[in-house]
Amino acid sequence: MLGIKRLGLLAALVVVGLAPAAAAQAAAQPSTQDTQYLQAVHQVNLFEITAGNLAQQKGQNQQVKDLGKMFVTDHTQLDQTVQSTAQQLNVQLPADPTADQQKVLDKLNGLNGAQFDKAWVTAQLAGHVQAIQATQTEISQGSEQSVVQLAQDALPVLQAHYDALVALAQTLGVPVPQTSASGTPSPGGTTSPGTGGTESPAPGGNGTEEPAPGTTETPAPAQS
């Protein structure tokens, strides 16, 4: 009987020992907001790396080439953090940009010279507006600290990209999306393409003249 009691006690200790581990695993589960942001920003990075390479190859304006190179470097570094964070949280990342983003890349591929430069800047402005909005949403609504921290680190980089694009757009005569009173980018310039999204949580745009890539405004409700 004593042996049976001891076995029972050992079993109880094993169960108690497992409980904290199970609780820790449950606590590490990211929210829908966190998951969708990781997926969205990853697709933004995939798009930006490809678009940046295109800018270096096809751009006529040297500033377009230079920004393209900077975007490749910055978004490659950002995506390394995204992939590492997603792996730790068991979040599956998409393998390709969104359909809307791919349409933009296909269109840019068919352009050259000054026409390419203007289309590239237009698409980048719209994409960065939405990327900034999605990142701000993650910072305010995210629950997994590692994802929120990633967004906090990404925001100044995205804002610097946007500011550089605004300066270049003014040089090239490209319409710039309107900004709020606080200076935060918001979609919808006077004559610039719209930056609406799809129903999927992944980023995407549906511009009228130049389909605009970008993240969702509010990834949590799957509004792109």
C-alpha atoms as a PDB file:
ATOM      1  CA  MET A   1       0.000   0.000   0.000  1.00  0.00           C
ATOM      2  CA  LEU A   2       2.875   2.342   0.816  1.00  0.00           C
ATOM      3  CA  GLY A   3       4.336   1.745  -2.616  1.00  0.00           C
ATOM      4  CA  ILE A   4       1.045   2.604  -4.279  1.00  0.00           C
ATOM      5  CA  LYS A   5       0.769   5.807  -2.266  1.00  0.00           C
ATOM      6  CA  ARG A   6       4.262   6.781  -3.275  1.00  0.00           C
ATOM      7  CA  LEU A   7       3.473   6.145  -6.923  1.00  0.00           C
ATOM      8  CA  GLY A   8       0.369   8.264  -6.571  1.00  0.00           C
ATOM      9  CA  LEU A   9       2.397  11.061  -5.024  1.00  0.00           C
ATOM     10  CA  LEU A  10       4.970  10.890  -7.814  1.00  0.00           C
ATOM     11  CA  ALA A  11       2.223  11.033 -10.428  1.00  0.00           C
ATOM     12  CA  ALA A  12       0.770  14.085  -8.734  1.00  0.00           C
ATOM     13  CA  LEU A  13       4.157  15.779  -8.704  1.00  0.00           C
ATOM     14  CA  VAL A  14       4.609  15.056 -12.391  1.00  0.00           C
ATOM     15  CA  VAL A  15       1.240  16.629 -13.179  1.00  0.00           C
ATOM     16  CA  VAL A  16       2.064  19.663 -11.048  1.00  0.00           C
ATOM     17  CA  GLY A  17       5.416  19.968 -12.768  1.00  0.00           C
ATOM     18  CA  LEU A  18       3.799  19.949 -16.187  1.00  0.00           C
ATOM     19  CA  ALA A  19       1.217  22.561 -15.312  1.00  0.00           C
ATOM     20  CA  PRO A  20       3.549  25.598 -15.393  1.00  0.00           C
ATOM     21  CA  ALA A  21       4.984  24.484 -18.732  1.00  0.00           C
ATOM     22  CA  ALA A  22       1.512  24.108 -20.211  1.00  0.00           C
ATOM     23  CA  ALA A  23       0.527  27.499 -18.839  1.00  0.00           C
ATOM     24  CA  ALA A  24       3.636  29.102 -20.334  1.00  0.00           C
ATOM     25  CA  GLN A  25       2.888  27.545 -23.696  1.00  0.00           C
ATOM     26  CA  ALA A  26      -0.668  28.841 -23.608  1.00  0.00           C
ATOM     27  CA  ALA A  27       0.526  32.304 -22.653  1.00  0.00           C
ATOM     28  CA  ALA A  28       2.877  32.375 -25.639  1.00  0.00           C
ATOM     29  CA  GLN A  29       0.033  32.035 -28.113  1.00  0.00           C
ATOM     30  CA  PRO A  30      -0.208  35.279 -30.138  1.00  0.00           C
ATOM     31  CA  SER A  31      -3.551  36.964 -30.678  1.00  0.00           C
ATOM     32  CA  THR A  32      -5.224  37.232 -34.065  1.00  0.00           C
ATOM     33  CA  GLN A  33      -3.961  40.822 -34.236  1.00  0.00           C
ATOM     34  CA  ASP A  34      -0.377  39.716 -33.586  1.00  0.00           C
ATOM     35  CA  THR A  35      -0.574  36.856 -36.066  1.00  0.00           C
ATOM     36  CA  GLN A  36      -2.060  38.931 -38.853  1.00  0.00           C
ATOM     37  CA  TYR A  37       0.437  41.714 -38.316  1.00  0.00           C
ATOM     38  CA  LEU A  38       3.367  39.308 -38.602  1.00  0.00           C
ATOM     39  CA  GLN A  39       1.922  37.865 -41.790  1.00  0.00           C
ATOM     40  CA  ALA A  40       1.123  41.287 -43.230  1.00  0.00           C
ATOM     41  CA  VAL A  41       4.483  42.878 -42.478  1.00  0.00           C
ATOM     42  CA  HIS A  42       6.262  39.822 -43.875  1.00  0.00           C
ATOM     43  CA  GLN A  43       4.424  40.245 -47.163  1.00  0.00           C
ATOM     44  CA  VAL A  44       5.281  43.939 -47.131  1.00  0.00           C
ATOM     45  CA  ASN A  45       8.929  42.994 -46.728  1.00  0.00           C
ATOM     46  CA  LEU A  46       8.762  40.513 -49.599  1.00  0.00           C
ATOM     47  CA  PHE A  47       7.209  43.188 -51.794  1.00  0.00           C
ATOM     48  CA  GLU A  48       9.652  45.905 -50.748  1.00  0.00           C
ATOM     49  CA  ILE A  49      12.718  43.751 -51.359  1.00  0.00           C
ATOM     50  CA  THR A  50      11.545  42.866 -54.863  1.00  0.00           C
ATOM     51  CA  ALA A  51      10.409  46.419 -55.639  1.00  0.00           C
ATOM     52  CA  GLY A  52      13.676  47.793 -54.294  1.00  0.00           C
ATOM     53  CA  ASN A  53      15.663  45.549 -56.594  1.00  0.00           C
ATOM     54  CA  LEU A  54      13.503  46.685 -59.511  1.00  0.00           C
ATOM     55  CA  ALA A  55      14.217  50.314 -58.626  1.00  0.00           C
ATOM     56  CA  GLN A  56      17.940  49.676 -58.780  1.00  0.00           C
ATOM     57  CA  GLN A  57      17.635  47.917 -62.132  1.00  0.00           C
ATOM     58  CA  LYS A  58      15.020  50.025 -63.922  1.00  0.00           C
ATOM     59  CA  GLY A  59      15.025  53.397 -62.186  1.00  0.00           C
ATOM     60  CA  GLN A  60      16.097  56.407 -64.221  1.00  0.00           C
ATOM     61  CA  ASN A  61      16.315  58.839 -61.313  1.00  0.00           C
ATOM     62  CA  GLN A  62      19.330  58.231 -59.075  1.00  0.00           C
ATOM     63  CA  GLN A  63      17.264  58.927 -55.959  1.00  0.00           C
ATOM     64  CA  VAL A  64      14.873  56.163 -56.976  1.00  0.00           C
ATOM     65  CA  LYS A  65      17.819  53.796 -57.283  1.00  0.00           C
ATOM     66  CA  ASP A  66      19.221  54.909 -53.936  1.00  0.00           C
ATOM     67  CA  LEU A  67      15.889  54.540 -52.125  1.00  0.00           C
ATOM     68  CA  GLY A  68      15.399  51.139 -53.709  1.00  0.00           C
ATOM     69  CA  LYS A  69      18.758  50.006 -52.346  1.00  0.00           C
ATOM     70  CA  MET A  70      17.938  51.363 -48.876  1.00  0.00           C
ATOM     71  CA  PHE A  71      14.539  49.663 -48.863  1.00  0.00           C
ATOM     72  CA  VAL A  72      16.105  46.301 -49.755  1.00  0.00           C
ATOM     73  CA  THR A  73      18.586  46.623 -46.885  1.00  0.00           C
ATOM     74  CA  ASP A  74      16.091  47.829 -44.284  1.00  0.00           C
ATOM     75  CA  HIS A  75      13.280  45.430 -45.147  1.00  0.00           C
ATOM     76  CA  THR A  76      15.667  42.472 -45.316  1.00  0.00           C
ATOM     77  CA  GLN A  77      16.825  43.268 -41.783  1.00  0.00           C
ATOM     78  CA  LEU A  78      13.257  43.790 -40.604  1.00  0.00           C
ATOM     79  CA  ASP A  79      12.134  40.510 -42.102  1.00  0.00           C
ATOM     80  CA  GLN A  80      14.840  38.593 -40.280  1.00  0.00           C
ATOM     81  CA  THR A  81      13.249  39.734 -37.026  1.00  0.00           C
ATOM     82  CA  VAL A  82       9.769  38.966 -38.362  1.00  0.00           C
ATOM     83  CA  GLN A  83      10.753  35.427 -39.320  1.00  0.00           C
ATOM     84  CA  SER A  84      12.514  34.804 -36.009  1.00  0.00           C
ATOM     85  CA  THR A  85       9.545  36.094 -34.014  1.00  0.00           C
ATOM     86  CA  ALA A  86       7.054  34.110 -36.096  1.00  0.00           C
ATOM     87  CA  GLN A  87       9.083  30.935 -35.592  1.00  0.00           C
ATOM     88  CA  GLN A  88       9.141  31.409 -31.826  1.00  0.00           C
ATOM     89  CA  LEU A  89       5.366  31.907 -31.796  1.00  0.00           C
ATOM     90  CA  ASN A  90       4.629  29.109 -34.299  1.00  0.00           C
ATOM     91  CA  VAL A  91       3.065  31.552 -36.759  1.00  0.00           C
ATOM     92  CA  GLN A  92       3.044  30.399 -40.369  1.00  0.00           C
ATOM     93  CA  LEU A  93       4.168  33.140 -42.762  1.00  0.00           C
ATOM     94  CA  PRO A  94       3.025  33.451 -46.400  1.00  0.00           C
ATOM     95  CA  ALA A  95       5.571  32.480 -49.042  1.00  0.00           C
ATOM     96  CA  ASP A  96       4.696  35.264 -51.471  1.00  0.00           C
ATOM     97  CA  PRO A  97       3.437  38.851 -51.572  1.00  0.00           C
ATOM     98  CA  THR A  98      -0.319  39.376 -51.825  1.00  0.00           C
ATOM     99  CA  ALA A  99      -2.058  39.199 -55.191  1.00  0.00           C
ATOM    100  CA  ASP A 100      -2.408  42.987 -55.205  1.00  0.00           C
ATOM    101  CA  GLN A 101       1.260  43.456 -54.456  1.00  0.00           C
ATOM    102  CA  GLN A 102       2.207  41.043 -57.220  1.00  0.00           C
ATOM    103  CA  LYS A 103       0.065  43.014 -59.673  1.00  0.00           C
ATOM    104  CA  VAL A 104       2.030  46.137 -58.787  1.00  0.00           C
ATOM    105  CA  LEU A 105       5.324  44.319 -59.288  1.00  0.00           C
ATOM    106  CA  ASP A 106       4.141  42.997 -62.651  1.00  0.00           C
ATOM    107  CA  LYS A 107       3.096  46.483 -63.729  1.00  0.00           C
ATOM    108  CA  LEU A 108       6.393  48.017 -62.615  1.00  0.00           C
ATOM    109  CA  ASN A 109       8.227  45.311 -64.513  1.00  0.00           C
ATOM    110  CA  GLY A 110       6.635  46.549 -67.716  1.00  0.00           C
ATOM    111  CA  LEU A 111       7.633  50.188 -67.230  1.00  0.00           C
ATOM    112  CA  ASN A 112      10.877  52.016 -67.886  1.00  0.00           C
ATOM    113  CA  GLY A 113      12.507  55.405 -67.403  1.00  0.00           C
ATOM    114  CA  ALA A 114      10.582  58.309 -65.930  1.00  0.00           C
ATOM    115  CA  GLN A 115       7.327  56.382 -66.205  1.00  0.00           C
ATOM    116  CA  PHE A 116       8.748  53.665 -63.974  1.00  0.00           C
ATOM    117  CA  ASP A 117      10.085  56.204 -61.479  1.00  0.00           C
ATOM    118  CA  LYS A 118       6.708  57.895 -60.984  1.00  0.00           C
ATOM    119  CA  ALA A 119       4.778  54.628 -60.772  1.00  0.00           C
ATOM    120  CA  TRP A 120       7.299  53.235 -58.287  1.00  0.00           C
ATOM    121  CA  VAL A 121       7.119  56.277 -56.016  1.00  0.00           C
ATOM    122  CA  THR A 122       3.311  56.320 -56.196  1.00  0.00           C
ATOM    123  CA  ALA A 123       3.099  52.668 -55.186  1.00  0.00           C
ATOM    124  CA  GLN A 124       5.679  53.092 -52.435  1.00  0.00           C
ATOM    125  CA  LEU A 125       3.891  56.083 -50.915  1.00  0.00           C
ATOM    126  CA  ALA A 126       0.599  54.205 -50.708  1.00  0.00           C
ATOM    127  CA  GLY A 127       2.270  51.072 -49.395  1.00  0.00           C
ATOM    128  CA  HIS A 128       4.163  52.878 -46.662  1.00  0.00           C
ATOM    129  CA  VAL A 129       1.061  54.773 -45.550  1.00  0.00           C
ATOM    130  CA  GLN A 130      -0.703  51.484 -44.936  1.00  0.00           C
ATOM    131  CA  ALA A 131       2.392  49.859 -43.426  1.00  0.00           C
ATOM    132  CA  ILE A 132       2.670  52.692 -40.903  1.00  0.00           C
ATOM    133  CA  GLN A 133      -1.019  52.481 -40.027  1.00  0.00           C
ATOM    134  CA  ALA A 134      -0.851  48.713 -39.531  1.00  0.00           C
ATOM    135  CA  THR A 135       2.243  49.089 -37.364  1.00  0.00           C
ATOM    136  CA  GLN A 136       0.567  51.745 -35.225  1.00  0.00           C
ATOM    137  CA  THR A 137      -2.412  49.423 -34.822  1.00  0.00           C
ATOM    138  CA  GLU A 138      -0.166  46.606 -33.616  1.00  0.00           C
ATOM    139  CA  ILE A 139       1.532  48.914 -31.119  1.00  0.00           C
ATOM    140  CA  SER A 140      -1.821  49.977 -29.654  1.00  0.00           C
ATOM    141  CA  GLN A 141      -3.743  46.705 -29.927  1.00  0.00           C
ATOM    142  CA  GLY A 142      -1.151  43.908 -29.932  1.00  0.00           C
ATOM    143  CA  SER A 143      -0.912  41.596 -26.921  1.00  0.00           C
ATOM    144  CA  GLU A 144       2.277  39.589 -27.538  1.00  0.00           C
ATOM    145  CA  GLN A 145       5.164  41.740 -26.331  1.00  0.00           C
ATOM    146  CA  SER A 146       7.693  40.437 -28.860  1.00  0.00           C
ATOM    147  CA  VAL A 147       5.418  41.414 -31.759  1.00  0.00           C
ATOM    148  CA  VAL A 148       4.602  44.804 -30.235  1.00  0.00           C
ATOM    149  CA  GLN A 149       8.322  45.434 -29.764  1.00  0.00           C
ATOM    150  CA  LEU A 150       8.946  44.490 -33.388  1.00  0.00           C
ATOM    151  CA  ALA A 151       6.327  47.023 -34.464  1.00  0.00           C
ATOM    152  CA  GLN A 152       7.837  49.713 -32.238  1.00  0.00           C
ATOM    153  CA  ASP A 153      11.252  49.099 -33.813  1.00  0.00           C
ATOM    154  CA  ALA A 154       9.809  49.064 -37.343  1.00  0.00           C
ATOM    155  CA  LEU A 155       7.797  52.292 -37.052  1.00  0.00           C
ATOM    156  CA  PRO A 156      10.682  54.819 -37.206  1.00  0.00           C
ATOM    157  CA  VAL A 157      12.175  52.937 -40.168  1.00  0.00           C
ATOM    158  CA  LEU A 158       8.891  53.007 -42.068  1.00  0.00           C
ATOM    159  CA  GLN A 159       8.377  56.670 -41.203  1.00  0.00           C
ATOM    160  CA  ALA A 160      11.870  57.524 -42.470  1.00  0.00           C
ATOM    161  CA  HIS A 161      11.095  55.709 -45.716  1.00  0.00           C
ATOM    162  CA  TYR A 162       7.839  57.637 -46.070  1.00  0.00           C
ATOM    163  CA  ASP A 163       9.516  60.986 -45.434  1.00  0.00           C
ATOM    164  CA  ALA A 164      12.166  60.242 -48.072  1.00  0.00           C
ATOM    165  CA  LEU A 165       9.452  59.221 -50.528  1.00  0.00           C
ATOM    166  CA  VAL A 166       7.510  62.450 -49.922  1.00  0.00           C
ATOM    167  CA  ALA A 167      10.596  64.515 -50.718  1.00  0.00           C
ATOM    168  CA  LEU A 168      11.242  62.503 -53.885  1.00  0.00           C
ATOM    169  CA  ALA A 169       7.571  62.666 -54.916  1.00  0.00           C
ATOM    170  CA  GLN A 170       7.657  66.444 -54.737  1.00  0.00           C
ATOM    171  CA  THR A 171      10.724  66.449 -56.986  1.00  0.00           C
ATOM    172  CA  LEU A 172       9.054  64.167 -59.537  1.00  0.00           C
ATOM    173  CA  GLY A 173       5.622  65.818 -59.358  1.00  0.00           C
ATOM    174  CA  VAL A 174       3.958  62.727 -57.877  1.00  0.00           C
ATOM    175  CA  PRO A 175       0.824  63.326 -55.705  1.00  0.00           C
ATOM    176  CA  VAL A 176       1.439  62.674 -52.018  1.00  0.00           C
ATOM    177  CA  PRO A 177      -1.173  61.013 -49.753  1.00  0.00           C
ATOM    178  CA  GLN A 178      -2.747  63.400 -47.266  1.00  0.00           C
ATOM    179  CA  THR A 179      -1.619  63.392 -43.651  1.00  0.00           C
ATOM    180  CA  SER A 180      -3.502  63.940 -40.448  1.00  0.00           C
ATOM    181  CA  ALA A 181      -3.073  66.982 -38.228  1.00  0.00           C
ATOM    182  CA  SER A 182      -0.483  65.077 -36.207  1.00  0.00           C
ATOM    183  CA  GLY A 183       1.547  64.449 -39.325  1.00  0.00           C
ATOM    184  CA  THR A 184       0.764  60.752 -39.429  1.00  0.00           C
ATOM    185  CA  PRO A 185       0.254  59.505 -42.992  1.00  0.00           C
ATOM    186  CA  SER A 186      -3.299  58.698 -43.944  1.00  0.00           C
ATOM    187  CA  PRO A 187      -4.464  57.267 -47.259  1.00  0.00           C
ATOM    188  CA  GLY A 188      -6.141  59.295 -49.953  1.00  0.00           C
ATOM    189  CA  GLY A 189      -4.283  62.034 -51.776  1.00  0.00           C
ATOM    190  CA  THR A 190      -6.198  64.449 -53.983  1.00  0.00           C
ATOM    191  CA  THR A 191      -5.254  62.761 -57.230  1.00  0.00           C
ATOM    192  CA  SER A 192      -3.208  59.840 -56.017  1.00  0.00           C
ATOM    193  CA  PRO A 193      -4.486  56.276 -56.337  1.00  0.00           C
ATOM    194  CA  GLY A 194      -6.564  54.876 -53.537  1.00  0.00           C
ATOM    195  CA  THR A 195      -5.053  52.451 -51.076  1.00  0.00           C
ATOM    196  CA  GLY A 196      -7.957  50.236 -50.245  1.00  0.00           C
ATOM    197  CA  GLY A 197      -7.500  46.625 -49.306  1.00  0.00           C
ATOM    198  CA  THR A 198      -8.917  43.177 -49.679  1.00  0.00           C
ATOM    199  CA  GLU A 199     -10.943  41.146 -47.221  1.00  0.00           C
ATOM    200  CA  SER A 200      -7.967  38.968 -46.375  1.00  0.00           C
ATOM    201  CA  PRO A 201      -5.794  39.874 -43.394  1.00  0.00           C
ATOM    202  CA  ALA A 202      -2.791  40.078 -45.681  1.00  0.00           C
ATOM    203  CA  PRO A 203      -1.768  43.487 -47.009  1.00  0.00           C
ATOM    204  CA  GLY A 204      -2.855  44.663 -50.393  1.00  0.00           C
ATOM    205  CA  GLY A 205      -4.100  47.653 -52.295  1.00  0.00           C
ATOM    206  CA  ASN A 206      -6.527  48.316 -55.114  1.00  0.00           C
ATOM    207  CA  GLY A 207      -5.513  51.680 -56.482  1.00  0.00           C
ATOM    208  CA  THR A 208      -7.420  53.173 -59.371  1.00  0.00           C
ATOM    209  CA  GLU A 209      -4.454  54.138 -61.517  1.00  0.00           C
ATOM    210  CA  GLU A 210      -1.517  52.472 -59.808  1.00  0.00           C
ATOM    211  CA  PRO A 211      -2.548  49.533 -57.633  1.00  0.00           C
ATOM    212  CA  ALA A 212      -0.996  50.277 -54.311  1.00  0.00           C
ATOM    213  CA  PRO A 213       0.689  47.681 -52.155  1.00  0.00           C
ATOM    214  CA  GLY A 214       0.739  47.954 -48.417  1.00  0.00           C
ATOM    215  CA  THR A 215      -0.437  46.507 -45.191  1.00  0.00           C
ATOM    216  CA  THR A 216      -3.892  46.656 -43.798  1.00  0.00           C
ATOM    217  CA  GLU A 217      -5.154  49.637 -41.844  1.00  0.00           C
ATOM    218  CA  THR A 218      -6.471  47.393 -39.081  1.00  0.00           C
ATOM    219  CA  PRO A 219      -5.154  43.840 -39.424  1.00  0.00           C
ATOM    220  CA  ALA A 220      -7.087  42.548 -36.423  1.00  0.00           C
ATOM    221  CA  PRO A 221     -10.545  42.643 -38.062  1.00  0.00           C
ATOM    222  CA  ALA A 222      -8.998  41.391 -41.277  1.00  0.00           C
ATOM    223  CA  GLN A 223      -9.514  44.715 -43.017  1.00  0.00           C
ATOM    224  CA  SER A 224      -6.694  45.295 -45.420  1.00  0.00           C
END
